[in-house]
Amino acid sequence: MLWQKNPSDCTDEEYEGFYQFIAHTESKPLSYMHFSADAPIVLNSVLFVPEENPEAMGFGRCEPMVSLYCHKVLIDSKPEKLLPEWLRFLTGVVDSEDLPLNISREMLQDNSLLRKISGIITKRFIKHLETLAKDDADKYETFWQQFSRFIKEGVVTSWEHKASLGKLLRFESTFTEAGKL
């Protein structure tokens, strides 16, 4: 299971193959984030940003495609409250050893652990985007062209992450060349 491995032991081909398997696509991911956390919750995760915005084709709102696992056992393939609504474009796997195996879907919706997991993943993904914007400006510009509406939605709806998401916004300015963000 790829998300259980150390990120340094995984190759780009393994990530691409895993993404293609879970997303049911032939395309490669634009970006991916693989991380593990030990505190306050034990968590292993691999999240992918698709090459293209699934909502851009006019099919309506996309469904979250991040599966929730506990001890390598699938708990929910499309948990509703795992990630904030503005991160619905992500695809991937989240595995937490802190969730009880006998948890039902009703209990899952009200679980405080799920809110903590959501907070950890959201903060890590925002840091991932900040790093991408700083280290690979061209790739971030491609991301921005496809997914800017989700980041703008996050600024408006996610008060706790408003400031950090605001740093990720890009707009044309009178101080830059035409077409430059």
Protein backbone atom coordinates (compact mmCIF):
# COMPACT_ATOMS: atom_id res chain seq x y z
CA MET A 1 0.00 0.00 0.00
CA LEU A 2 1.67 3.10 -1.32
CA TRP A 3 0.46 5.46 1.42
CA GLN A 4 2.09 3.24 4.09
CA LYS A 5 5.52 3.53 2.49
CA ASN A 6 8.11 6.17 3.23
CA PRO A 7 7.80 8.93 0.56
CA SER A 8 11.53 8.64 -0.23
CA ASP A 9 11.02 4.95 -1.15
CA CYS A 10 8.36 5.71 -3.79
CA THR A 11 9.03 6.58 -7.41
CA ASP A 12 7.13 8.97 -9.65
CA GLU A 13 5.98 5.98 -11.71
CA GLU A 14 4.45 4.36 -8.60
CA TYR A 15 2.59 7.58 -7.78
CA GLU A 16 1.34 7.92 -11.36
CA GLY A 17 0.21 4.28 -11.48
CA PHE A 18 -1.57 4.55 -8.13
CA TYR A 19 -3.27 7.78 -9.19
CA GLN A 20 -4.44 6.26 -12.46
CA PHE A 21 -5.81 3.26 -10.56
CA ILE A 22 -7.79 5.19 -7.94
CA ALA A 23 -8.95 8.00 -10.26
CA HIS A 24 -9.88 5.64 -13.12
CA THR A 25 -7.99 7.75 -15.64
CA GLU A 26 -5.12 7.56 -18.08
CA SER A 27 -3.79 11.03 -17.28
CA LYS A 28 -0.99 11.85 -14.88
CA PRO A 29 -1.50 13.95 -11.74
CA LEU A 30 -0.47 17.58 -11.84
CA SER A 31 0.91 17.31 -8.32
CA TYR A 32 0.82 14.97 -5.34
CA MET A 33 1.37 15.18 -1.61
CA HIS A 34 2.48 12.15 0.41
CA PHE A 35 2.82 12.57 4.16
CA SER A 36 2.66 10.85 7.51
CA ALA A 37 1.83 12.37 10.87
CA ASP A 38 2.28 10.91 14.35
CA ALA A 39 0.83 13.61 16.54
CA PRO A 40 -1.86 14.48 17.48
CA ILE A 41 -3.25 11.72 15.22
CA VAL A 42 -1.48 8.85 13.46
CA LEU A 43 -2.12 9.51 9.80
CA ASN A 44 -0.78 8.34 6.43
CA SER A 45 -1.98 10.00 3.28
CA VAL A 46 -1.40 10.39 -0.44
CA LEU A 47 -3.37 13.15 -2.17
CA PHE A 48 -3.30 14.00 -5.87
CA VAL A 49 -4.22 17.12 -7.83
CA PRO A 50 -5.59 16.10 -11.24
CA GLU A 51 -4.27 17.66 -14.44
CA GLU A 52 -7.64 19.17 -15.29
CA ASN A 53 -10.49 20.61 -13.28
CA PRO A 54 -13.29 18.01 -13.32
CA GLU A 55 -15.93 20.74 -12.99
CA ALA A 56 -14.63 22.70 -16.00
CA MET A 57 -16.30 20.33 -18.46
CA GLY A 58 -19.78 21.35 -17.35
CA PHE A 59 -20.76 18.17 -15.53
CA GLY A 60 -21.60 20.01 -12.32
CA ARG A 61 -20.03 19.67 -8.89
CA CYS A 62 -17.50 16.89 -8.57
CA GLU A 63 -17.76 14.34 -5.80
CA PRO A 64 -14.91 14.07 -3.27
CA MET A 65 -12.60 11.24 -4.29
CA VAL A 66 -10.54 10.83 -1.14
CA SER A 67 -11.10 7.44 0.52
CA LEU A 68 -10.89 6.96 4.29
CA TYR A 69 -9.10 3.91 5.63
CA CYS A 70 -8.47 2.68 9.17
CA HIS A 71 -5.68 0.13 9.71
CA LYS A 72 -5.59 -0.45 5.91
CA VAL A 73 -9.33 -1.30 5.91
CA LEU A 74 -11.62 0.84 3.73
CA ILE A 75 -14.12 2.65 5.97
CA ASP A 76 -15.72 5.00 3.43
CA SER A 77 -14.88 5.49 -0.24
CA LYS A 78 -16.43 8.98 -0.32
CA PRO A 79 -16.65 10.44 3.18
CA GLU A 80 -18.59 13.70 3.12
CA LYS A 81 -16.88 15.61 5.92
CA LEU A 82 -13.31 14.38 5.53
CA LEU A 83 -12.16 17.49 3.65
CA PRO A 84 -13.59 20.98 3.35
CA GLU A 85 -15.90 21.51 0.38
CA TRP A 86 -13.36 23.67 -1.47
CA LEU A 87 -10.90 20.71 -1.62
CA ARG A 88 -13.36 18.45 -3.47
CA PHE A 89 -11.08 18.29 -6.52
CA LEU A 90 -8.48 16.16 -4.67
CA THR A 91 -8.15 12.42 -5.21
CA GLY A 92 -6.38 10.08 -2.81
CA VAL A 93 -6.28 8.02 0.33
CA VAL A 94 -6.23 8.90 4.03
CA ASP A 95 -5.45 6.14 6.52
CA SER A 96 -5.72 6.79 10.26
CA GLU A 97 -4.98 4.25 12.95
CA ASP A 98 -6.86 6.33 15.51
CA LEU A 99 -10.33 5.70 14.10
CA PRO A 100 -12.14 2.72 15.62
CA LEU A 101 -12.72 -0.13 13.14
CA ASN A 102 -16.34 -0.58 14.21
CA ILE A 103 -17.29 2.99 13.34
CA SER A 104 -20.54 3.44 11.42
CA ARG A 105 -21.22 6.10 8.81
CA GLU A 106 -23.53 7.97 11.20
CA MET A 107 -20.87 8.05 13.90
CA LEU A 108 -18.30 9.06 11.29
CA GLN A 109 -20.21 12.23 10.44
CA ASP A 110 -20.11 13.45 14.05
CA ASN A 111 -16.67 12.22 14.97
CA SER A 112 -14.29 14.81 16.41
CA LEU A 113 -11.35 12.77 15.14
CA LEU A 114 -12.60 13.35 11.62
CA ARG A 115 -12.55 17.12 12.19
CA LYS A 116 -8.97 16.88 13.46
CA ILE A 117 -7.95 14.79 10.44
CA SER A 118 -9.60 17.34 8.16
CA GLY A 119 -7.70 20.18 9.84
CA ILE A 120 -4.35 18.37 9.54
CA ILE A 121 -4.85 17.51 5.87
CA THR A 122 -6.06 21.02 4.99
CA LYS A 123 -3.07 22.70 6.66
CA ARG A 124 -0.64 20.28 5.02
CA PHE A 125 -2.19 20.80 1.59
CA ILE A 126 -2.03 24.58 1.92
CA LYS A 127 1.68 24.25 2.85
CA HIS A 128 2.12 21.98 -0.16
CA LEU A 129 0.63 24.67 -2.42
CA GLU A 130 2.82 27.37 -0.82
CA THR A 131 5.90 25.24 -1.51
CA LEU A 132 4.74 24.57 -5.07
CA ALA A 133 4.19 28.31 -5.67
CA LYS A 134 7.63 29.13 -4.32
CA ASP A 135 9.68 26.29 -5.85
CA ASP A 136 7.89 25.64 -9.16
CA ALA A 137 6.11 28.80 -10.29
CA ASP A 138 5.20 27.38 -13.71
CA LYS A 139 3.49 24.33 -12.23
CA TYR A 140 1.66 26.54 -9.72
CA GLU A 141 0.50 28.79 -12.56
CA THR A 142 -0.90 25.72 -14.32
CA PHE A 143 -2.61 24.74 -11.06
CA TRP A 144 -3.98 28.27 -10.70
CA GLN A 145 -5.43 28.29 -14.21
CA GLN A 146 -7.31 25.04 -13.53
CA PHE A 147 -8.25 25.34 -9.85
CA SER A 148 -8.30 29.03 -8.91
CA ARG A 149 -12.04 29.00 -8.23
CA PHE A 150 -11.55 26.39 -5.49
CA ILE A 151 -8.90 28.49 -3.73
CA LYS A 152 -11.12 31.57 -3.99
CA GLU A 153 -14.00 29.53 -2.58
CA GLY A 154 -11.73 28.47 0.30
CA VAL A 155 -10.84 32.09 1.08
CA VAL A 156 -14.52 32.96 1.38
CA THR A 157 -15.77 29.86 3.22
CA SER A 158 -12.83 28.76 5.39
CA TRP A 159 -12.24 31.52 7.93
CA GLU A 160 -9.48 29.69 9.78
CA HIS A 161 -7.41 29.33 6.59
CA LYS A 162 -8.35 32.66 5.03
CA ALA A 163 -4.96 34.33 5.55
CA SER A 164 -2.84 31.42 4.33
CA LEU A 165 -5.10 30.89 1.30
CA GLY A 166 -4.94 34.62 0.56
CA LYS A 167 -1.19 34.28 -0.04
CA LEU A 168 -1.94 31.75 -2.78
CA LEU A 169 -4.19 34.09 -4.78
CA ARG A 170 -2.88 35.36 -8.10
CA PHE A 171 -4.29 38.26 -10.13
CA GLU A 172 -3.20 40.48 -12.96
CA SER A 173 -1.90 43.82 -11.74
CA THR A 174 -1.00 47.18 -13.19
CA PHE A 175 2.50 46.62 -11.77
CA THR A 176 3.12 43.54 -13.95
CA GLU A 177 3.15 42.89 -17.66
CA ALA A 178 -0.16 42.11 -19.36
CA GLY A 179 -1.00 38.45 -18.89
CA LYS A 180 1.37 38.02 -15.92
CA LEU A 181 -0.11 37.14 -12.54
